[in-house]
Amino acid sequence: MISDYFDEVESRLKRSEIVADKSIDLREFSPQEGMLRGRLLLVDGSVLEFMEYLQEEKRLKYRFHLMDRHGKMIFRYDNAPHHNVSTFPHHKHLADSIDESREIGILEVLEEVEMLMLNSI
């Protein structure tokens, strides 16, 4: 059920040591369909903006946009059908490239950001 996923996301964000502040909007359209969007201010001043539209266990639409404290993109995952990659429509934007990706969710993105922050210490 979508509410279980929402609960898992909220719990994980509360436990995260890198989240300084958060604004999250959870919308349950049915027990199997919902959308979450939010903005996380991270302890280093960077910002992660995200949106997931889910139906059952499938992400119909998603985007995860990480910016440094100056607003410069670090990375962006999305599934907008606008890049011809072998993992179409899933892809990852970096500063100077578009990379292949797989379907990804906020929990995995948060883990990636935590690893990036740990490696920069």
PDB file of N, CA and C in Angstrom:
ATOM      1  N   MET A   1       0.834  -1.181   0.000  1.00  0.00           N
ATOM      2  CA  MET A   1       0.000   0.000   0.000  1.00  0.00           C
ATOM      3  C   MET A   1       0.882   1.250   0.000  1.00  0.00           C
ATOM      4  N   ILE A   2       0.402   2.275  -0.641  1.00  0.00           N
ATOM      5  CA  ILE A   2       1.179   3.501  -0.800  1.00  0.00           C
ATOM      6  C   ILE A   2       1.467   4.153   0.551  1.00  0.00           C
ATOM      7  N   SER A   3       0.544   4.025   1.492  1.00  0.00           N
ATOM      8  CA  SER A   3       0.757   4.640   2.812  1.00  0.00           C
ATOM      9  C   SER A   3       1.945   4.009   3.529  1.00  0.00           C
ATOM     10  N   ASP A   4       2.202   2.721   3.296  1.00  0.00           N
ATOM     11  CA  ASP A   4       3.365   2.062   3.898  1.00  0.00           C
ATOM     12  C   ASP A   4       4.659   2.676   3.370  1.00  0.00           C
ATOM     13  N   TYR A   5       4.699   2.931   2.068  1.00  0.00           N
ATOM     14  CA  TYR A   5       5.880   3.557   1.471  1.00  0.00           C
ATOM     15  C   TYR A   5       6.066   4.967   2.026  1.00  0.00           C
ATOM     16  N   PHE A   6       4.992   5.730   2.113  1.00  0.00           N
ATOM     17  CA  PHE A   6       5.074   7.085   2.669  1.00  0.00           C
ATOM     18  C   PHE A   6       5.613   7.046   4.104  1.00  0.00           C
ATOM     19  N   ASP A   7       5.123   6.098   4.900  1.00  0.00           N
ATOM     20  CA  ASP A   7       5.596   5.961   6.283  1.00  0.00           C
ATOM     21  C   ASP A   7       7.088   5.644   6.319  1.00  0.00           C
ATOM     22  N   GLU A   8       7.520   4.766   5.416  1.00  0.00           N
ATOM     23  CA  GLU A   8       8.937   4.395   5.354  1.00  0.00           C
ATOM     24  C   GLU A   8       9.800   5.608   4.994  1.00  0.00           C
ATOM     25  N   VAL A   9       9.351   6.393   4.028  1.00  0.00           N
ATOM     26  CA  VAL A   9      10.096   7.593   3.622  1.00  0.00           C
ATOM     27  C   VAL A   9      10.173   8.586   4.782  1.00  0.00           C
ATOM     28  N   GLU A  10       9.056   8.856   5.425  1.00  0.00           N
ATOM     29  CA  GLU A  10       9.057   9.807   6.542  1.00  0.00           C
ATOM     30  C   GLU A  10       9.973   9.344   7.671  1.00  0.00           C
ATOM     31  N   SER A  11       9.927   8.061   7.977  1.00  0.00           N
ATOM     32  CA  SER A  11      10.772   7.513   9.034  1.00  0.00           C
ATOM     33  C   SER A  11      12.252   7.645   8.680  1.00  0.00           C
ATOM     34  N   ARG A  12      12.579   7.328   7.448  1.00  0.00           N
ATOM     35  CA  ARG A  12      13.983   7.400   7.002  1.00  0.00           C
ATOM     36  C   ARG A  12      14.491   8.837   7.023  1.00  0.00           C
ATOM     37  N   LEU A  13      13.673   9.780   6.601  1.00  0.00           N
ATOM     38  CA  LEU A  13      14.091  11.179   6.607  1.00  0.00           C
ATOM     39  C   LEU A  13      14.301  11.687   8.033  1.00  0.00           C
ATOM     40  N   LYS A  14      13.485  11.240   8.964  1.00  0.00           N
ATOM     41  CA  LYS A  14      13.646  11.646  10.364  1.00  0.00           C
ATOM     42  C   LYS A  14      14.949  11.119  10.946  1.00  0.00           C
ATOM     43  N   ARG A  15      15.371   9.936  10.510  1.00  0.00           N
ATOM     44  CA  ARG A  15      16.594   9.320  11.028  1.00  0.00           C
ATOM     45  C   ARG A  15      17.861   9.834  10.353  1.00  0.00           C
ATOM     46  N   SER A  16      17.723  10.480   9.222  1.00  0.00           N
ATOM     47  CA  SER A  16      18.897  10.906   8.461  1.00  0.00           C
ATOM     48  C   SER A  16      19.656  12.014   9.181  1.00  0.00           C
ATOM     49  N   GLU A  17      20.951  11.839   9.282  1.00  0.00           N
ATOM     50  CA  GLU A  17      21.800  12.834   9.933  1.00  0.00           C
ATOM     51  C   GLU A  17      22.180  13.973   8.999  1.00  0.00           C
ATOM     52  N   ILE A  18      21.849  13.870   7.714  1.00  0.00           N
ATOM     53  CA  ILE A  18      22.228  14.934   6.775  1.00  0.00           C
ATOM     54  C   ILE A  18      21.085  15.899   6.486  1.00  0.00           C
ATOM     55  N   VAL A  19      19.884  15.593   6.935  1.00  0.00           N
ATOM     56  CA  VAL A  19      18.724  16.451   6.677  1.00  0.00           C
ATOM     57  C   VAL A  19      18.591  17.468   7.808  1.00  0.00           C
ATOM     58  N   ALA A  20      18.792  18.753   7.464  1.00  0.00           N
ATOM     59  CA  ALA A  20      18.667  19.826   8.451  1.00  0.00           C
ATOM     60  C   ALA A  20      17.222  20.300   8.571  1.00  0.00           C
ATOM     61  N   ASP A  21      16.511  20.325   7.446  1.00  0.00           N
ATOM     62  CA  ASP A  21      15.120  20.779   7.435  1.00  0.00           C
ATOM     63  C   ASP A  21      14.421  20.125   6.253  1.00  0.00           C
ATOM     64  N   LYS A  22      13.122  19.973   6.356  1.00  0.00           N
ATOM     65  CA  LYS A  22      12.395  19.321   5.260  1.00  0.00           C
ATOM     66  C   LYS A  22      10.994  19.881   5.126  1.00  0.00           C
ATOM     67  N   SER A  23      10.523  19.842   3.892  1.00  0.00           N
ATOM     68  CA  SER A  23       9.145  20.184   3.570  1.00  0.00           C
ATOM     69  C   SER A  23       8.655  19.088   2.637  1.00  0.00           C
ATOM     70  N   ILE A  24       7.630  18.351   3.060  1.00  0.00           N
ATOM     71  CA  ILE A  24       7.154  17.199   2.288  1.00  0.00           C
ATOM     72  C   ILE A  24       5.640  17.263   2.149  1.00  0.00           C
ATOM     73  N   ASP A  25       5.167  16.946   0.952  1.00  0.00           N
ATOM     74  CA  ASP A  25       3.738  16.869   0.666  1.00  0.00           C
ATOM     75  C   ASP A  25       3.448  15.448   0.201  1.00  0.00           C
ATOM     76  N   LEU A  26       2.607  14.737   0.933  1.00  0.00           N
ATOM     77  CA  LEU A  26       2.227  13.364   0.603  1.00  0.00           C
ATOM     78  C   LEU A  26       0.763  13.360   0.201  1.00  0.00           C
ATOM     79  N   ARG A  27       0.484  12.803  -0.962  1.00  0.00           N
ATOM     80  CA  ARG A  27      -0.907  12.735  -1.426  1.00  0.00           C
ATOM     81  C   ARG A  27      -1.250  11.297  -1.800  1.00  0.00           C
ATOM     82  N   GLU A  28      -2.230  10.756  -1.128  1.00  0.00           N
ATOM     83  CA  GLU A  28      -2.697   9.402  -1.405  1.00  0.00           C
ATOM     84  C   GLU A  28      -3.988   9.507  -2.206  1.00  0.00           C
ATOM     85  N   PHE A  29      -3.931   9.077  -3.470  1.00  0.00           N
ATOM     86  CA  PHE A  29      -5.104   9.131  -4.344  1.00  0.00           C
ATOM     87  C   PHE A  29      -5.967   7.883  -4.200  1.00  0.00           C
ATOM     88  N   SER A  30      -5.330   6.772  -3.867  1.00  0.00           N
ATOM     89  CA  SER A  30      -6.008   5.503  -3.594  1.00  0.00           C
ATOM     90  C   SER A  30      -5.019   4.675  -2.780  1.00  0.00           C
ATOM     91  N   PRO A  31      -5.420   3.504  -2.278  1.00  0.00           N
ATOM     92  CA  PRO A  31      -4.461   2.694  -1.525  1.00  0.00           C
ATOM     93  C   PRO A  31      -3.228   2.284  -2.346  1.00  0.00           C
ATOM     94  N   GLN A  32      -3.342   2.300  -3.674  1.00  0.00           N
ATOM     95  CA  GLN A  32      -2.232   1.895  -4.534  1.00  0.00           C
ATOM     96  C   GLN A  32      -1.569   3.052  -5.278  1.00  0.00           C
ATOM     97  N   GLU A  33      -2.086   4.256  -5.180  1.00  0.00           N
ATOM     98  CA  GLU A  33      -1.582   5.360  -5.990  1.00  0.00           C
ATOM     99  C   GLU A  33      -1.384   6.613  -5.145  1.00  0.00           C
ATOM    100  N   GLY A  34      -0.244   7.263  -5.367  1.00  0.00           N
ATOM    101  CA  GLY A  34       0.012   8.484  -4.622  1.00  0.00           C
ATOM    102  C   GLY A  34       1.206   9.243  -5.156  1.00  0.00           C
ATOM    103  N   MET A  35       1.403  10.404  -4.576  1.00  0.00           N
ATOM    104  CA  MET A  35       2.506  11.261  -4.994  1.00  0.00           C
ATOM    105  C   MET A  35       3.154  11.858  -3.755  1.00  0.00           C
ATOM    106  N   LEU A  36       4.472  11.914  -3.785  1.00  0.00           N
ATOM    107  CA  LEU A  36       5.170  12.642  -2.750  1.00  0.00           C
ATOM    108  C   LEU A  36       6.125  13.612  -3.411  1.00  0.00           C
ATOM    109  N   ARG A  37       6.198  14.775  -2.831  1.00  0.00           N
ATOM    110  CA  ARG A  37       7.147  15.770  -3.323  1.00  0.00           C
ATOM    111  C   ARG A  37       7.695  16.487  -2.112  1.00  0.00           C
ATOM    112  N   GLY A  38       8.897  16.986  -2.285  1.00  0.00           N
ATOM    113  CA  GLY A  38       9.482  17.665  -1.147  1.00  0.00           C
ATOM    114  C   GLY A  38      10.755  18.394  -1.478  1.00  0.00           C
ATOM    115  N   ARG A  39      11.229  19.047  -0.438  1.00  0.00           N
ATOM    116  CA  ARG A  39      12.474  19.812  -0.521  1.00  0.00           C
ATOM    117  C   ARG A  39      13.215  19.561   0.779  1.00  0.00           C
ATOM    118  N   LEU A  40      14.437  19.072   0.651  1.00  0.00           N
ATOM    119  CA  LEU A  40      15.261  18.802   1.816  1.00  0.00           C
ATOM    120  C   LEU A  40      16.422  19.777   1.838  1.00  0.00           C
ATOM    121  N   LEU A  41      16.578  20.486   2.932  1.00  0.00           N
ATOM    122  CA  LEU A  41      17.758  21.305   3.149  1.00  0.00           C
ATOM    123  C   LEU A  41      18.744  20.425   3.901  1.00  0.00           C
ATOM    124  N   LEU A  42      19.919  20.268   3.337  1.00  0.00           N
ATOM    125  CA  LEU A  42      20.909  19.374   3.923  1.00  0.00           C
ATOM    126  C   LEU A  42      21.895  20.162   4.783  1.00  0.00           C
ATOM    127  N   VAL A  43      22.602  19.460   5.655  1.00  0.00           N
ATOM    128  CA  VAL A  43      23.449  20.123   6.646  1.00  0.00           C
ATOM    129  C   VAL A  43      24.582  20.935   6.028  1.00  0.00           C
ATOM    130  N   ASP A  44      24.975  20.641   4.806  1.00  0.00           N
ATOM    131  CA  ASP A  44      26.039  21.412   4.147  1.00  0.00           C
ATOM    132  C   ASP A  44      25.486  22.581   3.335  1.00  0.00           C
ATOM    133  N   GLY A  45      24.176  22.813   3.409  1.00  0.00           N
ATOM    134  CA  GLY A  45      23.550  23.909   2.679  1.00  0.00           C
ATOM    135  C   GLY A  45      23.025  23.520   1.315  1.00  0.00           C
ATOM    136  N   SER A  46      23.315  22.301   0.879  1.00  0.00           N
ATOM    137  CA  SER A  46      22.779  21.847  -0.408  1.00  0.00           C
ATOM    138  C   SER A  46      21.297  21.522  -0.251  1.00  0.00           C
ATOM    139  N   VAL A  47      20.623  21.380  -1.391  1.00  0.00           N
ATOM    140  CA  VAL A  47      19.175  21.159  -1.399  1.00  0.00           C
ATOM    141  C   VAL A  47      18.854  19.994  -2.327  1.00  0.00           C
ATOM    142  N   LEU A  48      17.983  19.110  -1.873  1.00  0.00           N
ATOM    143  CA  LEU A  48      17.468  18.022  -2.699  1.00  0.00           C
ATOM    144  C   LEU A  48      15.974  18.243  -2.864  1.00  0.00           C
ATOM    145  N   GLU A  49      15.562  18.494  -4.104  1.00  0.00           N
ATOM    146  CA  GLU A  49      14.138  18.606  -4.423  1.00  0.00           C
ATOM    147  C   GLU A  49      13.724  17.318  -5.111  1.00  0.00           C
ATOM    148  N   PHE A  50      12.540  16.821  -4.796  1.00  0.00           N
ATOM    149  CA  PHE A  50      12.135  15.535  -5.358  1.00  0.00           C
ATOM    150  C   PHE A  50      10.638  15.442  -5.557  1.00  0.00           C
ATOM    151  N   MET A  51      10.266  14.514  -6.446  1.00  0.00           N
ATOM    152  CA  MET A  51       8.872  14.190  -6.706  1.00  0.00           C
ATOM    153  C   MET A  51       8.821  12.751  -7.194  1.00  0.00           C
ATOM    154  N   GLU A  52       7.885  11.997  -6.663  1.00  0.00           N
ATOM    155  CA  GLU A  52       7.613  10.636  -7.126  1.00  0.00           C
ATOM    156  C   GLU A  52       6.103  10.492  -7.269  1.00  0.00           C
ATOM    157  N   TYR A  53       5.678   9.984  -8.413  1.00  0.00           N
ATOM    158  CA  TYR A  53       4.275   9.642  -8.624  1.00  0.00           C
ATOM    159  C   TYR A  53       4.238   8.132  -8.797  1.00  0.00           C
ATOM    160  N   LEU A  54       3.599   7.452  -7.865  1.00  0.00           N
ATOM    161  CA  LEU A  54       3.630   5.997  -7.826  1.00  0.00           C
ATOM    162  C   LEU A  54       2.252   5.395  -8.008  1.00  0.00           C
ATOM    163  N   GLN A  55       2.244   4.254  -8.683  1.00  0.00           N
ATOM    164  CA  GLN A  55       1.034   3.451  -8.805  1.00  0.00           C
ATOM    165  C   GLN A  55       1.459   2.030  -8.496  1.00  0.00           C
ATOM    166  N   GLU A  56       0.920   1.507  -7.393  1.00  0.00           N
ATOM    167  CA  GLU A  56       1.356   0.240  -6.835  1.00  0.00           C
ATOM    168  C   GLU A  56       2.853   0.354  -6.564  1.00  0.00           C
ATOM    169  N   GLU A  57       3.690  -0.469  -7.150  1.00  0.00           N
ATOM    170  CA  GLU A  57       5.130  -0.401  -6.868  1.00  0.00           C
ATOM    171  C   GLU A  57       5.903   0.231  -8.006  1.00  0.00           C
ATOM    172  N   LYS A  58       5.227   0.830  -8.952  1.00  0.00           N
ATOM    173  CA  LYS A  58       5.856   1.420 -10.136  1.00  0.00           C
ATOM    174  C   LYS A  58       5.894   2.937 -10.007  1.00  0.00           C
ATOM    175  N   ARG A  59       7.049   3.504 -10.294  1.00  0.00           N
ATOM    176  CA  ARG A  59       7.176   4.962 -10.335  1.00  0.00           C
ATOM    177  C   ARG A  59       6.824   5.425 -11.735  1.00  0.00           C
ATOM    178  N   LEU A  60       5.645   6.004 -11.893  1.00  0.00           N
ATOM    179  CA  LEU A  60       5.221   6.475 -13.207  1.00  0.00           C
ATOM    180  C   LEU A  60       6.000   7.717 -13.611  1.00  0.00           C
ATOM    181  N   LYS A  61       6.327   8.536 -12.630  1.00  0.00           N
ATOM    182  CA  LYS A  61       7.093   9.750 -12.907  1.00  0.00           C
ATOM    183  C   LYS A  61       7.927  10.056 -11.669  1.00  0.00           C
ATOM    184  N   TYR A  62       9.158  10.498 -11.902  1.00  0.00           N
ATOM    185  CA  TYR A  62      10.000  10.880 -10.774  1.00  0.00           C
ATOM    186  C   TYR A  62      11.066  11.866 -11.215  1.00  0.00           C
ATOM    187  N   ARG A  63      11.541  12.621 -10.227  1.00  0.00           N
ATOM    188  CA  ARG A  63      12.709  13.482 -10.426  1.00  0.00           C
ATOM    189  C   ARG A  63      13.335  13.750  -9.056  1.00  0.00           C
ATOM    190  N   PHE A  64      14.634  13.761  -9.053  1.00  0.00           N
ATOM    191  CA  PHE A  64      15.415  14.015  -7.847  1.00  0.00           C
ATOM    192  C   PHE A  64      16.535  14.957  -8.252  1.00  0.00           C
ATOM    193  N   HIS A  65      16.505  16.167  -7.756  1.00  0.00           N
ATOM    194  CA  HIS A  65      17.415  17.220  -8.214  1.00  0.00           C
ATOM    195  C   HIS A  65      18.230  17.725  -7.025  1.00  0.00           C
ATOM    196  N   LEU A  66      19.525  17.427  -7.041  1.00  0.00           N
ATOM    197  CA  LEU A  66      20.427  17.850  -5.970  1.00  0.00           C
ATOM    198  C   LEU A  66      21.234  19.054  -6.439  1.00  0.00           C
ATOM    199  N   MET A  67      21.196  20.119  -5.631  1.00  0.00           N
ATOM    200  CA  MET A  67      21.930  21.353  -5.938  1.00  0.00           C
ATOM    201  C   MET A  67      22.831  21.710  -4.761  1.00  0.00           C
ATOM    202  N   ASP A  68      23.978  22.292  -5.068  1.00  0.00           N
ATOM    203  CA  ASP A  68      24.837  22.761  -3.986  1.00  0.00           C
ATOM    204  C   ASP A  68      24.237  24.023  -3.360  1.00  0.00           C
ATOM    205  N   ARG A  69      24.891  24.558  -2.361  1.00  0.00           N
ATOM    206  CA  ARG A  69      24.321  25.709  -1.641  1.00  0.00           C
ATOM    207  C   ARG A  69      24.225  26.972  -2.484  1.00  0.00           C
ATOM    208  N   HIS A  70      24.868  26.959  -3.668  1.00  0.00           N
ATOM    209  CA  HIS A  70      24.792  28.102  -4.580  1.00  0.00           C
ATOM    210  C   HIS A  70      23.758  27.889  -5.686  1.00  0.00           C
ATOM    211  N   GLY A  71      23.057  26.760  -5.651  1.00  0.00           N
ATOM    212  CA  GLY A  71      22.034  26.466  -6.650  1.00  0.00           C
ATOM    213  C   GLY A  71      22.553  25.755  -7.885  1.00  0.00           C
ATOM    214  N   LYS A  72      23.829  25.373  -7.885  1.00  0.00           N
ATOM    215  CA  LYS A  72      24.411  24.663  -9.028  1.00  0.00           C
ATOM    216  C   LYS A  72      24.062  23.176  -8.932  1.00  0.00           C
ATOM    217  N   MET A  73      23.603  22.615 -10.060  1.00  0.00           N
ATOM    218  CA  MET A  73      23.215  21.211 -10.070  1.00  0.00           C
ATOM    219  C   MET A  73      24.415  20.307  -9.793  1.00  0.00           C
ATOM    220  N   ILE A  74      24.223  19.349  -8.898  1.00  0.00           N
ATOM    221  CA  ILE A  74      25.193  18.285  -8.659  1.00  0.00           C
ATOM    222  C   ILE A  74      24.778  17.076  -9.486  1.00  0.00           C
ATOM    223  N   PHE A  75      23.512  16.684  -9.359  1.00  0.00           N
ATOM    224  CA  PHE A  75      22.945  15.655 -10.232  1.00  0.00           C
ATOM    225  C   PHE A  75      21.442  15.778 -10.247  1.00  0.00           C
ATOM    226  N   ARG A  76      20.854  15.096 -11.226  1.00  0.00           N
ATOM    227  CA  ARG A  76      19.399  15.034 -11.333  1.00  0.00           C
ATOM    228  C   ARG A  76      19.041  13.692 -11.964  1.00  0.00           C
ATOM    229  N   TYR A  77      18.208  12.928 -11.282  1.00  0.00           N
ATOM    230  CA  TYR A  77      17.625  11.713 -11.843  1.00  0.00           C
ATOM    231  C   TYR A  77      16.217  12.057 -12.305  1.00  0.00           C
ATOM    232  N   ASP A  78      15.808  11.523 -13.459  1.00  0.00           N
ATOM    233  CA  ASP A  78      14.403  11.624 -13.842  1.00  0.00           C
ATOM    234  C   ASP A  78      14.086  10.592 -14.916  1.00  0.00           C
ATOM    235  N   ASN A  79      12.810  10.471 -15.204  1.00  0.00           N
ATOM    236  CA  ASN A  79      12.377   9.543 -16.253  1.00  0.00           C
ATOM    237  C   ASN A  79      11.568  10.266 -17.322  1.00  0.00           C
ATOM    238  N   ALA A  80      11.820  11.563 -17.480  1.00  0.00           N
ATOM    239  CA  ALA A  80      11.188  12.296 -18.584  1.00  0.00           C
ATOM    240  C   ALA A  80      11.755  11.736 -19.890  1.00  0.00           C
ATOM    241  N   PRO A  81      10.912  11.465 -20.866  1.00  0.00           N
ATOM    242  CA  PRO A  81      11.374  10.794 -22.096  1.00  0.00           C
ATOM    243  C   PRO A  81      12.040  11.761 -23.076  1.00  0.00           C
ATOM    244  N   HIS A  82      13.180  12.340 -22.666  1.00  0.00           N
ATOM    245  CA  HIS A  82      13.815  13.332 -23.524  1.00  0.00           C
ATOM    246  C   HIS A  82      15.282  13.056 -23.847  1.00  0.00           C
ATOM    247  N   HIS A  83      15.817  11.903 -23.450  1.00  0.00           N
ATOM    248  CA  HIS A  83      17.204  11.563 -23.786  1.00  0.00           C
ATOM    249  C   HIS A  83      17.258  10.136 -24.308  1.00  0.00           C
ATOM    250  N   ASN A  84      17.970   9.954 -25.394  1.00  0.00           N
ATOM    251  CA  ASN A  84      18.087   8.646 -26.027  1.00  0.00           C
ATOM    252  C   ASN A  84      19.257   7.885 -25.405  1.00  0.00           C
ATOM    253  N   VAL A  85      18.977   7.165 -24.336  1.00  0.00           N
ATOM    254  CA  VAL A  85      19.978   6.334 -23.671  1.00  0.00           C
ATOM    255  C   VAL A  85      19.443   4.910 -23.622  1.00  0.00           C
ATOM    256  N   SER A  86      20.341   3.956 -23.400  1.00  0.00           N
ATOM    257  CA  SER A  86      19.918   2.550 -23.418  1.00  0.00           C
ATOM    258  C   SER A  86      18.938   2.223 -22.295  1.00  0.00           C
ATOM    259  N   THR A  87      18.906   3.025 -21.258  1.00  0.00           N
ATOM    260  CA  THR A  87      17.990   2.797 -20.135  1.00  0.00           C
ATOM    261  C   THR A  87      16.739   3.673 -20.237  1.00  0.00           C
ATOM    262  N   PHE A  88      16.485   4.199 -21.437  1.00  0.00           N
ATOM    263  CA  PHE A  88      15.341   5.082 -21.692  1.00  0.00           C
ATOM    264  C   PHE A  88      14.081   4.554 -21.013  1.00  0.00           C
ATOM    265  N   PRO A  89      13.342   5.382 -20.325  1.00  0.00           N
ATOM    266  CA  PRO A  89      13.509   6.825 -20.167  1.00  0.00           C
ATOM    267  C   PRO A  89      14.353   7.223 -18.950  1.00  0.00           C
ATOM    268  N   HIS A  90      14.851   6.234 -18.200  1.00  0.00           N
ATOM    269  CA  HIS A  90      15.586   6.510 -16.962  1.00  0.00           C
ATOM    270  C   HIS A  90      16.980   7.034 -17.283  1.00  0.00           C
ATOM    271  N   HIS A  91      17.364   8.128 -16.629  1.00  0.00           N
ATOM    272  CA  HIS A  91      18.687   8.704 -16.860  1.00  0.00           C
ATOM    273  C   HIS A  91      19.081   9.614 -15.700  1.00  0.00           C
ATOM    274  N   LYS A  92      20.375   9.946 -15.685  1.00  0.00           N
ATOM    275  CA  LYS A  92      20.932  10.805 -14.640  1.00  0.00           C
ATOM    276  C   LYS A  92      21.697  11.944 -15.299  1.00  0.00           C
ATOM    277  N   HIS A  93      21.336  13.154 -14.950  1.00  0.00           N
ATOM    278  CA  HIS A  93      22.041  14.344 -15.425  1.00  0.00           C
ATOM    279  C   HIS A  93      23.200  14.627 -14.475  1.00  0.00           C
ATOM    280  N   LEU A  94      24.363  14.851 -15.031  1.00  0.00           N
ATOM    281  CA  LEU A  94      25.507  15.342 -14.277  1.00  0.00           C
ATOM    282  C   LEU A  94      25.894  16.690 -14.870  1.00  0.00           C
ATOM    283  N   ALA A  95      26.888  17.334 -14.314  1.00  0.00           N
ATOM    284  CA  ALA A  95      27.254  18.676 -14.776  1.00  0.00           C
ATOM    285  C   ALA A  95      27.513  18.728 -16.274  1.00  0.00           C
ATOM    286  N   ASP A  96      28.152  17.692 -16.820  1.00  0.00           N
ATOM    287  CA  ASP A  96      28.526  17.740 -18.236  1.00  0.00           C
ATOM    288  C   ASP A  96      28.149  16.489 -19.015  1.00  0.00           C
ATOM    289  N   SER A  97      27.204  15.714 -18.498  1.00  0.00           N
ATOM    290  CA  SER A  97      26.810  14.502 -19.222  1.00  0.00           C
ATOM    291  C   SER A  97      25.426  14.033 -18.796  1.00  0.00           C
ATOM    292  N   ILE A  98      24.888  13.144 -19.625  1.00  0.00           N
ATOM    293  CA  ILE A  98      23.656  12.417 -19.309  1.00  0.00           C
ATOM    294  C   ILE A  98      24.058  10.954 -19.250  1.00  0.00           C
ATOM    295  N   ASP A  99      23.838  10.311 -18.118  1.00  0.00           N
ATOM    296  CA  ASP A  99      24.242   8.923 -17.933  1.00  0.00           C
ATOM    297  C   ASP A  99      23.031   8.003 -17.893  1.00  0.00           C
ATOM    298  N   GLU A 100      23.291   6.741 -18.203  1.00  0.00           N
ATOM    299  CA  GLU A 100      22.264   5.712 -18.062  1.00  0.00           C
ATOM    300  C   GLU A 100      21.925   5.569 -16.582  1.00  0.00           C
ATOM    301  N   SER A 101      20.730   5.131 -16.315  1.00  0.00           N
ATOM    302  CA  SER A 101      20.295   4.931 -14.944  1.00  0.00           C
ATOM    303  C   SER A 101      19.218   3.859 -14.942  1.00  0.00           C
ATOM    304  N   ARG A 102      18.708   3.583 -13.792  1.00  0.00           N
ATOM    305  CA  ARG A 102      17.564   2.684 -13.648  1.00  0.00           C
ATOM    306  C   ARG A 102      16.510   3.438 -12.857  1.00  0.00           C
ATOM    307  N   GLU A 103      15.347   2.880 -12.777  1.00  0.00           N
ATOM    308  CA  GLU A 103      14.315   3.501 -11.942  1.00  0.00           C
ATOM    309  C   GLU A 103      14.848   3.589 -10.517  1.00  0.00           C
ATOM    310  N   ILE A 104      14.666   4.738  -9.904  1.00  0.00           N
ATOM    311  CA  ILE A 104      15.239   4.978  -8.579  1.00  0.00           C
ATOM    312  C   ILE A 104      14.231   5.744  -7.730  1.00  0.00           C
ATOM    313  N   GLY A 105      14.314   5.571  -6.428  1.00  0.00           N
ATOM    314  CA  GLY A 105      13.401   6.246  -5.514  1.00  0.00           C
ATOM    315  C   GLY A 105      14.140   7.114  -4.509  1.00  0.00           C
ATOM    316  N   ILE A 106      13.398   7.861  -3.735  1.00  0.00           N
ATOM    317  CA  ILE A 106      13.982   8.809  -2.796  1.00  0.00           C
ATOM    318  C   ILE A 106      14.873   8.122  -1.769  1.00  0.00           C
ATOM    319  N   LEU A 107      14.546   6.916  -1.349  1.00  0.00           N
ATOM    320  CA  LEU A 107      15.364   6.240  -0.347  1.00  0.00           C
ATOM    321  C   LEU A 107      16.756   5.936  -0.888  1.00  0.00           C
ATOM    322  N   GLU A 108      16.832   5.497  -2.145  1.00  0.00           N
ATOM    323  CA  GLU A 108      18.129   5.217  -2.770  1.00  0.00           C
ATOM    324  C   GLU A 108      18.902   6.506  -3.031  1.00  0.00           C
ATOM    325  N   VAL A 109      18.199   7.547  -3.437  1.00  0.00           N
ATOM    326  CA  VAL A 109      18.857   8.833  -3.691  1.00  0.00           C
ATOM    327  C   VAL A 109      19.425   9.389  -2.387  1.00  0.00           C
ATOM    328  N   LEU A 110      18.675   9.281  -1.307  1.00  0.00           N
ATOM    329  CA  LEU A 110      19.157   9.756  -0.015  1.00  0.00           C
ATOM    330  C   LEU A 110      20.430   9.012   0.390  1.00  0.00           C
ATOM    331  N   GLU A 111      20.472   7.706   0.162  1.00  0.00           N
ATOM    332  CA  GLU A 111      21.689   6.931   0.445  1.00  0.00           C
ATOM    333  C   GLU A 111      22.862   7.440  -0.382  1.00  0.00           C
ATOM    334  N   GLU A 112      22.626   7.719  -1.660  1.00  0.00           N
ATOM    335  CA  GLU A 112      23.686   8.229  -2.526  1.00  0.00           C
ATOM    336  C   GLU A 112      24.201   9.577  -2.023  1.00  0.00           C
ATOM    337  N   VAL A 113      23.302  10.455  -1.628  1.00  0.00           N
ATOM    338  CA  VAL A 113      23.702  11.774  -1.133  1.00  0.00           C
ATOM    339  C   VAL A 113      24.489  11.627   0.168  1.00  0.00           C
ATOM    340  N   GLU A 114      24.049  10.730   1.041  1.00  0.00           N
ATOM    341  CA  GLU A 114      24.788  10.496   2.286  1.00  0.00           C
ATOM    342  C   GLU A 114      26.204  10.018   1.992  1.00  0.00           C
ATOM    343  N   MET A 115      26.362   9.132   1.027  1.00  0.00           N
ATOM    344  CA  MET A 115      27.699   8.648   0.656  1.00  0.00           C
ATOM    345  C   MET A 115      28.544   9.777   0.072  1.00  0.00           C
ATOM    346  N   LEU A 116      27.955  10.611  -0.773  1.00  0.00           N
ATOM    347  CA  LEU A 116      28.686  11.755  -1.327  1.00  0.00           C
ATOM    348  C   LEU A 116      29.191  12.671  -0.211  1.00  0.00           C
ATOM    349  N   MET A 117      28.346  12.916   0.770  1.00  0.00           N
ATOM    350  CA  MET A 117      28.731  13.803   1.866  1.00  0.00           C
ATOM    351  C   MET A 117      29.809  13.166   2.735  1.00  0.00           C
ATOM    352  N   LEU A 118      29.702  11.874   2.990  1.00  0.00           N
ATOM    353  CA  LEU A 118      30.727  11.183   3.779  1.00  0.00           C
ATOM    354  C   LEU A 118      32.076  11.207   3.066  1.00  0.00           C
ATOM    355  N   ASN A 119      32.050  11.020   1.754  1.00  0.00           N
ATOM    356  CA  ASN A 119      33.294  10.992   0.983  1.00  0.00           C
ATOM    357  C   ASN A 119      33.926  12.368   0.833  1.00  0.00           C
ATOM    358  N   SER A 120      33.166  13.425   1.080  1.00  0.00           N
ATOM    359  CA  SER A 120      33.718  14.773   0.931  1.00  0.00           C
ATOM    360  C   SER A 120      34.312  15.299   2.236  1.00  0.00           C
ATOM    361  N   ILE A 121      34.188  14.522   3.299  1.00  0.00           N
ATOM    362  CA  ILE A 121      34.734  14.953   4.609  1.00  0.00           C
ATOM    363  C   ILE A 121      36.225  14.688   4.653  1.00  0.00           C
TER     364      ILE A 121
END
